[in-house]
PDB file of N, CA and C in Angstrom:
ATOM      1  N   MET A   1       0.843  -1.176   0.000  1.00  0.00           N
ATOM      2  CA  MET A   1       0.000   0.002   0.001  1.00  0.00           C
ATOM      3  C   MET A   1       0.885   1.235   0.001  1.00  0.00           C
ATOM      4  N   THR A   2       0.612   2.141  -0.895  1.00  0.00           N
ATOM      5  CA  THR A   2       1.388   3.365  -1.012  1.00  0.00           C
ATOM      6  C   THR A   2       0.659   4.493  -0.296  1.00  0.00           C
ATOM      7  N   LEU A   3       1.339   5.062   0.687  1.00  0.00           N
ATOM      8  CA  LEU A   3       0.752   6.177   1.418  1.00  0.00           C
ATOM      9  C   LEU A   3       0.992   7.495   0.697  1.00  0.00           C
ATOM     10  N   LEU A   4       2.166   7.631   0.120  1.00  0.00           N
ATOM     11  CA  LEU A   4       2.521   8.880  -0.534  1.00  0.00           C
ATOM     12  C   LEU A   4       3.353   8.546  -1.758  1.00  0.00           C
ATOM     13  N   GLY A   5       2.959   9.023  -2.906  1.00  0.00           N
ATOM     14  CA  GLY A   5       3.728   8.779  -4.116  1.00  0.00           C
ATOM     15  C   GLY A   5       3.480   9.877  -5.126  1.00  0.00           C
ATOM     16  N   PHE A   6       4.528  10.318  -5.761  1.00  0.00           N
ATOM     17  CA  PHE A   6       4.438  11.336  -6.799  1.00  0.00           C
ATOM     18  C   PHE A   6       4.825  10.666  -8.099  1.00  0.00           C
ATOM     19  N   ASN A   7       3.922  10.613  -9.056  1.00  0.00           N
ATOM     20  CA  ASN A   7       4.197   9.979 -10.325  1.00  0.00           C
ATOM     21  C   ASN A   7       4.961  10.962 -11.203  1.00  0.00           C
ATOM     22  N   ILE A   8       6.226  10.669 -11.460  1.00  0.00           N
ATOM     23  CA  ILE A   8       7.084  11.530 -12.269  1.00  0.00           C
ATOM     24  C   ILE A   8       7.177  10.978 -13.685  1.00  0.00           C
ATOM     25  N   GLY A   9       6.603   9.863 -13.944  1.00  0.00           N
ATOM     26  CA  GLY A   9       6.658   9.238 -15.259  1.00  0.00           C
ATOM     27  C   GLY A   9       6.617   7.733 -15.084  1.00  0.00           C
ATOM     28  N   TYR A  10       6.838   7.041 -16.146  1.00  0.00           N
ATOM     29  CA  TYR A  10       6.780   5.590 -16.077  1.00  0.00           C
ATOM     30  C   TYR A  10       8.001   5.003 -15.392  1.00  0.00           C
ATOM     31  N   GLU A  11       9.135   5.697 -15.421  1.00  0.00           N
ATOM     32  CA  GLU A  11      10.366   5.140 -14.888  1.00  0.00           C
ATOM     33  C   GLU A  11      10.686   5.612 -13.476  1.00  0.00           C
ATOM     34  N   LEU A  12      10.401   6.854 -13.152  1.00  0.00           N
ATOM     35  CA  LEU A  12      10.803   7.421 -11.879  1.00  0.00           C
ATOM     36  C   LEU A  12       9.583   7.679 -11.008  1.00  0.00           C
ATOM     37  N   LYS A  13       9.476   6.984  -9.912  1.00  0.00           N
ATOM     38  CA  LYS A  13       8.364   7.182  -8.989  1.00  0.00           C
ATOM     39  C   LYS A  13       8.903   7.251  -7.567  1.00  0.00           C
ATOM     40  N   ILE A  14       8.277   8.074  -6.775  1.00  0.00           N
ATOM     41  CA  ILE A  14       8.643   8.198  -5.370  1.00  0.00           C
ATOM     42  C   ILE A  14       7.480   7.670  -4.555  1.00  0.00           C
ATOM     43  N   GLY A  15       7.758   6.884  -3.583  1.00  0.00           N
ATOM     44  CA  GLY A  15       6.722   6.328  -2.732  1.00  0.00           C
ATOM     45  C   GLY A  15       7.306   5.174  -1.947  1.00  0.00           C
ATOM     46  N   SER A  16       6.484   4.226  -1.558  1.00  0.00           N
ATOM     47  CA  SER A  16       7.003   3.071  -0.845  1.00  0.00           C
ATOM     48  C   SER A  16       6.479   1.810  -1.508  1.00  0.00           C
ATOM     49  N   GLY A  17       7.308   0.809  -1.582  1.00  0.00           N
ATOM     50  CA  GLY A  17       6.903  -0.473  -2.119  1.00  0.00           C
ATOM     51  C   GLY A  17       7.043  -0.563  -3.618  1.00  0.00           C
ATOM     52  N   VAL A  18       6.438  -1.608  -4.172  1.00  0.00           N
ATOM     53  CA  VAL A  18       6.451  -1.841  -5.602  1.00  0.00           C
ATOM     54  C   VAL A  18       5.029  -1.722  -6.099  1.00  0.00           C
ATOM     55  N   GLY A  19       4.846  -0.953  -7.146  1.00  0.00           N
ATOM     56  CA  GLY A  19       3.502  -0.688  -7.648  1.00  0.00           C
ATOM     57  C   GLY A  19       3.023  -1.744  -8.624  1.00  0.00           C
ATOM     58  N   ILE A  20       1.911  -1.489  -9.237  1.00  0.00           N
ATOM     59  CA  ILE A  20       1.302  -2.383 -10.210  1.00  0.00           C
ATOM     60  C   ILE A  20       2.212  -2.472 -11.433  1.00  0.00           C
ATOM     61  N   GLY A  21       2.401  -3.660 -11.951  1.00  0.00           N
ATOM     62  CA  GLY A  21       3.245  -3.854 -13.118  1.00  0.00           C
ATOM     63  C   GLY A  21       4.722  -3.856 -12.801  1.00  0.00           C
ATOM     64  N   GLY A  22       5.099  -3.945 -11.541  1.00  0.00           N
ATOM     65  CA  GLY A  22       6.503  -3.989 -11.158  1.00  0.00           C
ATOM     66  C   GLY A  22       7.199  -2.650 -11.147  1.00  0.00           C
ATOM     67  N   ASN A  23       6.454  -1.548 -11.254  1.00  0.00           N
ATOM     68  CA  ASN A  23       7.077  -0.233 -11.174  1.00  0.00           C
ATOM     69  C   ASN A  23       7.657  -0.027  -9.789  1.00  0.00           C
ATOM     70  N   VAL A  24       8.890   0.488  -9.753  1.00  0.00           N
ATOM     71  CA  VAL A  24       9.576   0.686  -8.482  1.00  0.00           C
ATOM     72  C   VAL A  24       9.212   2.051  -7.923  1.00  0.00           C
ATOM     73  N   TYR A  25       8.824   2.072  -6.670  1.00  0.00           N
ATOM     74  CA  TYR A  25       8.601   3.310  -5.955  1.00  0.00           C
ATOM     75  C   TYR A  25       9.764   3.491  -4.992  1.00  0.00           C
ATOM     76  N   TYR A  26      10.308   4.687  -4.934  1.00  0.00           N
ATOM     77  CA  TYR A  26      11.405   4.956  -4.015  1.00  0.00           C
ATOM     78  C   TYR A  26      10.828   5.219  -2.641  1.00  0.00           C
ATOM     79  N   GLN A  27      11.493   4.691  -1.627  1.00  0.00           N
ATOM     80  CA  GLN A  27      10.987   4.810  -0.274  1.00  0.00           C
ATOM     81  C   GLN A  27      11.131   6.225   0.271  1.00  0.00           C
ATOM     82  N   THR A  28      12.160   6.914  -0.163  1.00  0.00           N
ATOM     83  CA  THR A  28      12.393   8.273   0.321  1.00  0.00           C
ATOM     84  C   THR A  28      12.824   9.157  -0.841  1.00  0.00           C
ATOM     85  N   LEU A  29      12.773  10.439  -0.622  1.00  0.00           N
ATOM     86  CA  LEU A  29      13.281  11.384  -1.601  1.00  0.00           C
ATOM     87  C   LEU A  29      14.793  11.217  -1.749  1.00  0.00           C
ATOM     88  N   GLY A  30      15.463  10.870  -0.659  1.00  0.00           N
ATOM     89  CA  GLY A  30      16.902  10.626  -0.709  1.00  0.00           C
ATOM     90  C   GLY A  30      17.247   9.440  -1.595  1.00  0.00           C
ATOM     91  N   GLY A  31      16.425   8.400  -1.584  1.00  0.00           N
ATOM     92  CA  GLY A  31      16.636   7.256  -2.458  1.00  0.00           C
ATOM     93  C   GLY A  31      16.497   7.632  -3.919  1.00  0.00           C
ATOM     94  N   PHE A  32      15.539   8.484  -4.200  1.00  0.00           N
ATOM     95  CA  PHE A  32      15.338   8.984  -5.562  1.00  0.00           C
ATOM     96  C   PHE A  32      16.542   9.797  -6.019  1.00  0.00           C
ATOM     97  N   ILE A  33      17.018  10.696  -5.169  1.00  0.00           N
ATOM     98  CA  ILE A  33      18.169  11.537  -5.502  1.00  0.00           C
ATOM     99  C   ILE A  33      19.422  10.688  -5.659  1.00  0.00           C
ATOM    100  N   SER A  34      19.591   9.686  -4.785  1.00  0.00           N
ATOM    101  CA  SER A  34      20.741   8.799  -4.893  1.00  0.00           C
ATOM    102  C   SER A  34      20.733   8.029  -6.201  1.00  0.00           C
ATOM    103  N   ARG A  35      19.560   7.757  -6.737  1.00  0.00           N
ATOM    104  CA  ARG A  35      19.455   7.011  -7.987  1.00  0.00           C
ATOM    105  C   ARG A  35      19.780   7.888  -9.195  1.00  0.00           C
ATOM    106  N   ILE A  36      19.385   9.162  -9.185  1.00  0.00           N
ATOM    107  CA  ILE A  36      19.591   9.994 -10.375  1.00  0.00           C
ATOM    108  C   ILE A  36      20.899  10.783 -10.340  1.00  0.00           C
ATOM    109  N   LEU A  37      21.521  10.938  -9.168  1.00  0.00           N
ATOM    110  CA  LEU A  37      22.727  11.749  -9.056  1.00  0.00           C
ATOM    111  C   LEU A  37      23.875  11.242  -9.933  1.00  0.00           C
ATOM    112  N   PRO A  38      24.182   9.944  -9.965  1.00  0.00           N
ATOM    113  CA  PRO A  38      25.256   9.504 -10.873  1.00  0.00           C
ATOM    114  C   PRO A  38      24.947   9.810 -12.337  1.00  0.00           C
ATOM    115  N   ASN A  39      23.688   9.743 -12.721  1.00  0.00           N
ATOM    116  CA  ASN A  39      23.314  10.065 -14.101  1.00  0.00           C
ATOM    117  C   ASN A  39      23.525  11.540 -14.400  1.00  0.00           C
ATOM    118  N   ILE A  40      23.301  12.380 -13.423  1.00  0.00           N
ATOM    119  CA  ILE A  40      23.515  13.811 -13.599  1.00  0.00           C
ATOM    120  C   ILE A  40      24.991  14.094 -13.848  1.00  0.00           C
ATOM    121  N   TYR A  41      25.880  13.376 -13.145  1.00  0.00           N
ATOM    122  CA  TYR A  41      27.312  13.550 -13.368  1.00  0.00           C
ATOM    123  C   TYR A  41      27.712  13.132 -14.784  1.00  0.00           C
ATOM    124  N   VAL A  42      27.128  12.065 -15.288  1.00  0.00           N
ATOM    125  CA  VAL A  42      27.429  11.624 -16.658  1.00  0.00           C
ATOM    126  C   VAL A  42      26.941  12.660 -17.671  1.00  0.00           C
ATOM    127  N   ILE A  43      25.740  13.150 -17.493  1.00  0.00           N
ATOM    128  CA  ILE A  43      25.190  14.159 -18.405  1.00  0.00           C
ATOM    129  C   ILE A  43      26.030  15.434 -18.362  1.00  0.00           C
ATOM    130  N   ALA A  44      26.460  15.833 -17.174  1.00  0.00           N
ATOM    131  CA  ALA A  44      27.297  17.032 -17.051  1.00  0.00           C
ATOM    132  C   ALA A  44      28.630  16.829 -17.762  1.00  0.00           C
ATOM    133  N   GLY A  45      29.194  15.628 -17.701  1.00  0.00           N
ATOM    134  CA  GLY A  45      30.436  15.351 -18.413  1.00  0.00           C
ATOM    135  C   GLY A  45      30.273  15.426 -19.919  1.00  0.00           C
ATOM    136  N   ILE A  46      29.153  14.935 -20.419  1.00  0.00           N
ATOM    137  CA  ILE A  46      28.892  15.003 -21.858  1.00  0.00           C
ATOM    138  C   ILE A  46      28.721  16.449 -22.300  1.00  0.00           C
ATOM    139  N   ILE A  47      27.990  17.234 -21.514  1.00  0.00           N
ATOM    140  CA  ILE A  47      27.808  18.659 -21.838  1.00  0.00           C
ATOM    141  C   ILE A  47      29.144  19.379 -21.809  1.00  0.00           C
ATOM    142  N   LEU A  48      29.989  19.065 -20.810  1.00  0.00           N
ATOM    143  CA  LEU A  48      31.320  19.663 -20.722  1.00  0.00           C
ATOM    144  C   LEU A  48      32.121  19.366 -21.981  1.00  0.00           C
ATOM    145  N   PHE A  49      32.077  18.125 -22.440  1.00  0.00           N
ATOM    146  CA  PHE A  49      32.806  17.735 -23.636  1.00  0.00           C
ATOM    147  C   PHE A  49      32.393  18.593 -24.838  1.00  0.00           C
ATOM    148  N   PHE A  50      31.089  18.753 -25.031  1.00  0.00           N
ATOM    149  CA  PHE A  50      30.620  19.527 -26.176  1.00  0.00           C
ATOM    150  C   PHE A  50      30.977  21.011 -26.049  1.00  0.00           C
ATOM    151  N   PHE A  51      30.922  21.548 -24.844  1.00  0.00           N
ATOM    152  CA  PHE A  51      31.316  22.951 -24.666  1.00  0.00           C
ATOM    153  C   PHE A  51      32.808  23.142 -24.939  1.00  0.00           C
ATOM    154  N   LEU A  52      33.639  22.206 -24.487  1.00  0.00           N
ATOM    155  CA  LEU A  52      35.071  22.331 -24.750  1.00  0.00           C
ATOM    156  C   LEU A  52      35.376  22.232 -26.242  1.00  0.00           C
ATOM    157  N   ILE A  53      34.733  21.299 -26.929  1.00  0.00           N
ATOM    158  CA  ILE A  53      34.942  21.177 -28.375  1.00  0.00           C
ATOM    159  C   ILE A  53      34.446  22.438 -29.084  1.00  0.00           C
ATOM    160  N   GLY A  54      33.246  22.907 -28.735  1.00  0.00           N
ATOM    161  CA  GLY A  54      32.697  24.109 -29.367  1.00  0.00           C
ATOM    162  C   GLY A  54      33.540  25.342 -29.098  1.00  0.00           C
ATOM    163  N   GLY A  55      33.954  25.526 -27.849  1.00  0.00           N
ATOM    164  CA  GLY A  55      34.784  26.675 -27.510  1.00  0.00           C
ATOM    165  C   GLY A  55      36.145  26.618 -28.189  1.00  0.00           C
ATOM    166  N   GLY A  56      36.714  25.414 -28.265  1.00  0.00           N
ATOM    167  CA  GLY A  56      38.003  25.260 -28.941  1.00  0.00           C
ATOM    168  C   GLY A  56      37.908  25.558 -30.424  1.00  0.00           C
ATOM    169  N   LEU A  57      36.859  25.047 -31.055  1.00  0.00           N
ATOM    170  CA  LEU A  57      36.671  25.331 -32.474  1.00  0.00           C
ATOM    171  C   LEU A  57      36.439  26.820 -32.714  1.00  0.00           C
ATOM    172  N   MET A  58      35.646  27.444 -31.854  1.00  0.00           N
ATOM    173  CA  MET A  58      35.391  28.879 -32.001  1.00  0.00           C
ATOM    174  C   MET A  58      36.695  29.663 -31.844  1.00  0.00           C
ATOM    175  N   PHE A  59      37.517  29.253 -30.888  1.00  0.00           N
ATOM    176  CA  PHE A  59      38.795  29.927 -30.662  1.00  0.00           C
ATOM    177  C   PHE A  59      39.715  29.785 -31.869  1.00  0.00           C
ATOM    178  N   ILE A  60      39.821  28.557 -32.391  1.00  0.00           N
ATOM    179  CA  ILE A  60      40.713  28.311 -33.519  1.00  0.00           C
ATOM    180  C   ILE A  60      40.226  29.019 -34.784  1.00  0.00           C
ATOM    181  N   ILE A  61      38.942  28.914 -35.077  1.00  0.00           N
ATOM    182  CA  ILE A  61      38.404  29.532 -36.292  1.00  0.00           C
ATOM    183  C   ILE A  61      38.509  31.051 -36.212  1.00  0.00           C
ATOM    184  N   SER A  62      38.178  31.626 -35.053  1.00  0.00           N
ATOM    185  CA  SER A  62      38.243  33.093 -34.911  1.00  0.00           C
ATOM    186  C   SER A  62      39.675  33.585 -34.977  1.00  0.00           C
ATOM    187  N   ALA A  63      40.601  32.838 -34.410  1.00  0.00           N
ATOM    188  CA  ALA A  63      42.002  33.255 -34.473  1.00  0.00           C
ATOM    189  C   ALA A  63      42.518  33.169 -35.906  1.00  0.00           C
ATOM    190  N   GLY A  64      42.058  32.157 -36.654  1.00  0.00           N
ATOM    191  CA  GLY A  64      42.474  32.023 -38.053  1.00  0.00           C
ATOM    192  C   GLY A  64      41.931  33.132 -38.936  1.00  0.00           C
ATOM    193  N   ARG A  65      40.769  33.652 -38.594  1.00  0.00           N
ATOM    194  CA  ARG A  65      40.157  34.748 -39.358  1.00  0.00           C
ATOM    195  C   ARG A  65      40.560  36.119 -38.821  1.00  0.00           C
ATOM    196  N   GLU A  66      41.462  36.125 -37.881  1.00  0.00           N
ATOM    197  CA  GLU A  66      41.930  37.359 -37.239  1.00  0.00           C
ATOM    198  C   GLU A  66      40.767  38.136 -36.633  1.00  0.00           C
ATOM    199  N   ASN A  67      39.945  37.423 -35.881  1.00  0.00           N
ATOM    200  CA  ASN A  67      38.795  38.008 -35.191  1.00  0.00           C
ATOM    201  C   ASN A  67      39.059  37.902 -33.688  1.00  0.00           C
ATOM    202  N   PRO A  68      39.644  38.936 -33.088  1.00  0.00           N
ATOM    203  CA  PRO A  68      40.011  38.833 -31.671  1.00  0.00           C
ATOM    204  C   PRO A  68      38.806  38.715 -30.736  1.00  0.00           C
ATOM    205  N   GLU A  69      37.659  39.292 -31.110  1.00  0.00           N
ATOM    206  CA  GLU A  69      36.472  39.182 -30.253  1.00  0.00           C
ATOM    207  C   GLU A  69      35.974  37.735 -30.201  1.00  0.00           C
ATOM    208  N   GLY A  70      35.947  37.089 -31.365  1.00  0.00           N
ATOM    209  CA  GLY A  70      35.515  35.694 -31.410  1.00  0.00           C
ATOM    210  C   GLY A  70      36.480  34.779 -30.686  1.00  0.00           C
ATOM    211  N   ALA A  71      37.776  35.046 -30.819  1.00  0.00           N
ATOM    212  CA  ALA A  71      38.777  34.241 -30.119  1.00  0.00           C
ATOM    213  C   ALA A  71      38.642  34.419 -28.609  1.00  0.00           C
ATOM    214  N   ALA A  72      38.391  35.647 -28.184  1.00  0.00           N
ATOM    215  CA  ALA A  72      38.212  35.893 -26.747  1.00  0.00           C
ATOM    216  C   ALA A  72      36.952  35.192 -26.242  1.00  0.00           C
ATOM    217  N   ARG A  73      35.898  35.192 -27.044  1.00  0.00           N
ATOM    218  CA  ARG A  73      34.662  34.511 -26.641  1.00  0.00           C
ATOM    219  C   ARG A  73      34.879  32.995 -26.550  1.00  0.00           C
ATOM    220  N   GLY A  74      35.615  32.434 -27.507  1.00  0.00           N
ATOM    221  CA  GLY A  74      35.949  31.013 -27.453  1.00  0.00           C
ATOM    222  C   GLY A  74      36.770  30.680 -26.222  1.00  0.00           C
ATOM    223  N   GLY A  75      37.701  31.551 -25.879  1.00  0.00           N
ATOM    224  CA  GLY A  75      38.502  31.358 -24.663  1.00  0.00           C
ATOM    225  C   GLY A  75      37.650  31.425 -23.407  1.00  0.00           C
ATOM    226  N   GLN A  76      36.669  32.331 -23.396  1.00  0.00           N
ATOM    227  CA  GLN A  76      35.759  32.423 -22.245  1.00  0.00           C
ATOM    228  C   GLN A  76      34.906  31.169 -22.108  1.00  0.00           C
ATOM    229  N   ILE A  77      34.469  30.607 -23.240  1.00  0.00           N
ATOM    230  CA  ILE A  77      33.671  29.378 -23.178  1.00  0.00           C
ATOM    231  C   ILE A  77      34.500  28.246 -22.600  1.00  0.00           C
ATOM    232  N   ILE A  78      35.742  28.137 -23.030  1.00  0.00           N
ATOM    233  CA  ILE A  78      36.628  27.105 -22.501  1.00  0.00           C
ATOM    234  C   ILE A  78      36.867  27.313 -21.012  1.00  0.00           C
ATOM    235  N   THR A  79      37.127  28.550 -20.600  1.00  0.00           N
ATOM    236  CA  THR A  79      37.379  28.841 -19.191  1.00  0.00           C
ATOM    237  C   THR A  79      36.158  28.530 -18.324  1.00  0.00           C
ATOM    238  N   MET A  80      34.988  28.959 -18.753  1.00  0.00           N
ATOM    239  CA  MET A  80      33.776  28.703 -17.971  1.00  0.00           C
ATOM    240  C   MET A  80      33.446  27.201 -17.928  1.00  0.00           C
ATOM    241  N   SER A  81      33.741  26.483 -19.003  1.00  0.00           N
ATOM    242  CA  SER A  81      33.524  25.036 -19.007  1.00  0.00           C
ATOM    243  C   SER A  81      34.419  24.358 -17.973  1.00  0.00           C
ATOM    244  N   LEU A  82      35.663  24.787 -17.905  1.00  0.00           N
ATOM    245  CA  LEU A  82      36.580  24.188 -16.936  1.00  0.00           C
ATOM    246  C   LEU A  82      36.207  24.567 -15.499  1.00  0.00           C
ATOM    247  N   VAL A  83      35.704  25.779 -15.295  1.00  0.00           N
ATOM    248  CA  VAL A  83      35.228  26.170 -13.963  1.00  0.00           C
ATOM    249  C   VAL A  83      34.023  25.310 -13.568  1.00  0.00           C
ATOM    250  N   GLY A  84      33.105  25.093 -14.493  1.00  0.00           N
ATOM    251  CA  GLY A  84      31.967  24.219 -14.235  1.00  0.00           C
ATOM    252  C   GLY A  84      32.402  22.802 -13.920  1.00  0.00           C
ATOM    253  N   PHE A  85      33.421  22.313 -14.643  1.00  0.00           N
ATOM    254  CA  PHE A  85      33.950  20.979 -14.355  1.00  0.00           C
ATOM    255  C   PHE A  85      34.520  20.912 -12.948  1.00  0.00           C
ATOM    256  N   LEU A  86      35.243  21.932 -12.536  1.00  0.00           N
ATOM    257  CA  LEU A  86      35.804  21.932 -11.175  1.00  0.00           C
ATOM    258  C   LEU A  86      34.701  21.924 -10.118  1.00  0.00           C
ATOM    259  N   ILE A  87      33.610  22.644 -10.375  1.00  0.00           N
ATOM    260  CA  ILE A  87      32.491  22.650  -9.429  1.00  0.00           C
ATOM    261  C   ILE A  87      31.852  21.268  -9.349  1.00  0.00           C
ATOM    262  N   ILE A  88      31.639  20.632 -10.499  1.00  0.00           N
ATOM    263  CA  ILE A  88      31.048  19.289 -10.507  1.00  0.00           C
ATOM    264  C   ILE A  88      31.986  18.290  -9.850  1.00  0.00           C
ATOM    265  N   PHE A  89      33.278  18.398 -10.139  1.00  0.00           N
ATOM    266  CA  PHE A  89      34.274  17.511  -9.537  1.00  0.00           C
ATOM    267  C   PHE A  89      34.291  17.675  -8.022  1.00  0.00           C
ATOM    268  N   ALA A  90      34.244  18.924  -7.555  1.00  0.00           N
ATOM    269  CA  ALA A  90      34.221  19.175  -6.111  1.00  0.00           C
ATOM    270  C   ALA A  90      32.954  18.615  -5.473  1.00  0.00           C
ATOM    271  N   SER A  91      31.811  18.751  -6.136  1.00  0.00           N
ATOM    272  CA  SER A  91      30.565  18.221  -5.569  1.00  0.00           C
ATOM    273  C   SER A  91      30.614  16.704  -5.473  1.00  0.00           C
ATOM    274  N   TYR A  92      31.228  16.050  -6.456  1.00  0.00           N
ATOM    275  CA  TYR A  92      31.363  14.592  -6.407  1.00  0.00           C
ATOM    276  C   TYR A  92      32.196  14.164  -5.201  1.00  0.00           C
ATOM    277  N   TRP A  93      33.308  14.843  -4.980  1.00  0.00           N
ATOM    278  CA  TRP A  93      34.167  14.456  -3.852  1.00  0.00           C
ATOM    279  C   TRP A  93      33.546  14.836  -2.512  1.00  0.00           C
ATOM    280  N   ILE A  94      32.761  15.894  -2.482  1.00  0.00           N
ATOM    281  CA  ILE A  94      32.032  16.209  -1.249  1.00  0.00           C
ATOM    282  C   ILE A  94      31.037  15.103  -0.941  1.00  0.00           C
ATOM    283  N   MET A  95      30.362  14.589  -1.980  1.00  0.00           N
ATOM    284  CA  MET A  95      29.439  13.465  -1.782  1.00  0.00           C
ATOM    285  C   MET A  95      30.181  12.233  -1.280  1.00  0.00           C
ATOM    286  N   GLN A  96      31.376  12.001  -1.802  1.00  0.00           N
ATOM    287  CA  GLN A  96      32.170  10.867  -1.341  1.00  0.00           C
ATOM    288  C   GLN A  96      32.528  11.019   0.138  1.00  0.00           C
ATOM    289  N   ILE A  97      32.886  12.225   0.541  1.00  0.00           N
ATOM    290  CA  ILE A  97      33.230  12.475   1.948  1.00  0.00           C
ATOM    291  C   ILE A  97      32.005  12.286   2.839  1.00  0.00           C
ATOM    292  N   VAL A  98      30.846  12.774   2.403  1.00  0.00           N
ATOM    293  CA  VAL A  98      29.604  12.600   3.161  1.00  0.00           C
ATOM    294  C   VAL A  98      29.280  11.114   3.300  1.00  0.00           C
ATOM    295  N   GLN A  99      29.494  10.339   2.242  1.00  0.00           N
ATOM    296  CA  GLN A  99      29.256   8.892   2.314  1.00  0.00           C
ATOM    297  C   GLN A  99      30.146   8.235   3.361  1.00  0.00           C
ATOM    298  N   ILE A 100      31.415   8.617   3.401  1.00  0.00           N
ATOM    299  CA  ILE A 100      32.349   8.020   4.349  1.00  0.00           C
ATOM    300  C   ILE A 100      32.004   8.422   5.780  1.00  0.00           C
ATOM    301  N   VAL A 101      31.690   9.692   5.975  1.00  0.00           N
ATOM    302  CA  VAL A 101      31.408  10.187   7.328  1.00  0.00           C
ATOM    303  C   VAL A 101      30.103   9.605   7.872  1.00  0.00           C
ATOM    304  N   THR A 102      29.046   9.581   7.043  1.00  0.00           N
ATOM    305  CA  THR A 102      27.744   9.127   7.537  1.00  0.00           C
ATOM    306  C   THR A 102      27.519   7.633   7.354  1.00  0.00           C
ATOM    307  N   GLY A 103      28.269   7.002   6.450  1.00  0.00           N
ATOM    308  CA  GLY A 103      28.046   5.591   6.179  1.00  0.00           C
ATOM    309  C   GLY A 103      26.847   5.302   5.310  1.00  0.00           C
ATOM    310  N   ILE A 104      26.252   6.328   4.721  1.00  0.00           N
ATOM    311  CA  ILE A 104      25.082   6.190   3.849  1.00  0.00           C
ATOM    312  C   ILE A 104      25.548   6.102   2.408  1.00  0.00           C
ATOM    313  N   ASP A 105      25.037   5.119   1.670  1.00  0.00           N
ATOM    314  CA  ASP A 105      25.411   4.924   0.268  1.00  0.00           C
ATOM    315  C   ASP A 105      24.620   5.903  -0.602  1.00  0.00           C
ATOM    316  N   ILE A 106      25.215   7.059  -0.894  1.00  0.00           N
ATOM    317  CA  ILE A 106      24.521   8.101  -1.637  1.00  0.00           C
ATOM    318  C   ILE A 106      24.606   7.854  -3.125  1.00  0.00           C
ATOM    319  N   LEU A 107      25.788   7.595  -3.641  1.00  0.00           N
ATOM    320  CA  LEU A 107      25.982   7.480  -5.078  1.00  0.00           C
ATOM    321  C   LEU A 107      25.796   6.073  -5.604  1.00  0.00           C
ATOM    322  N   GLY A 108      25.605   5.106  -4.743  1.00  0.00           N
ATOM    323  CA  GLY A 108      25.439   3.733  -5.188  1.00  0.00           C
ATOM    324  C   GLY A 108      24.035   3.401  -5.596  1.00  0.00           C
ATOM    325  N   GLY A 109      23.081   4.278  -5.321  1.00  0.00           N
ATOM    326  CA  GLY A 109      21.698   4.022  -5.687  1.00  0.00           C
ATOM    327  C   GLY A 109      21.044   2.973  -4.808  1.00  0.00           C
ATOM    328  N   GLY A 110      21.547   2.796  -3.590  1.00  0.00           N
ATOM    329  CA  GLY A 110      21.009   1.775  -2.711  1.00  0.00           C
ATOM    330  C   GLY A 110      19.806   2.231  -1.922  1.00  0.00           C
ATOM    331  N   GLY A 111      19.145   3.299  -2.352  1.00  0.00           N
ATOM    332  CA  GLY A 111      18.035   3.842  -1.592  1.00  0.00           C
ATOM    333  C   GLY A 111      16.668   3.287  -1.972  1.00  0.00           C
ATOM    334  N   LEU A 112      16.606   2.149  -2.650  1.00  0.00           N
ATOM    335  CA  LEU A 112      15.316   1.565  -3.014  1.00  0.00           C
ATOM    336  C   LEU A 112      14.635   0.978  -1.818  1.00  0.00           C
TER     337      LEU A 112
END
């Protein structure tokens, strides 16, 4: 019996127990977050890759055309991408430290 559940779609549900058709309900909001957090890191890495490639191409093409404004913009895109990567990297290691200190499996998705 589900006391509280928010239907977020066919794949992601929050609640308790297993629903009709074998749909998994997460027991807590923390279990839900623990399940999607590793996926967010993967998506952020893919976005970082595309920003670095785009910024690098913009920098190279603008420098070849002797366009200093475009080259500077490409450099800014690369710099901001690397700053974003450092923030994501720091958040990952903070989560690792929280896991060690509290003993709770945050990134393993064990919150079902």
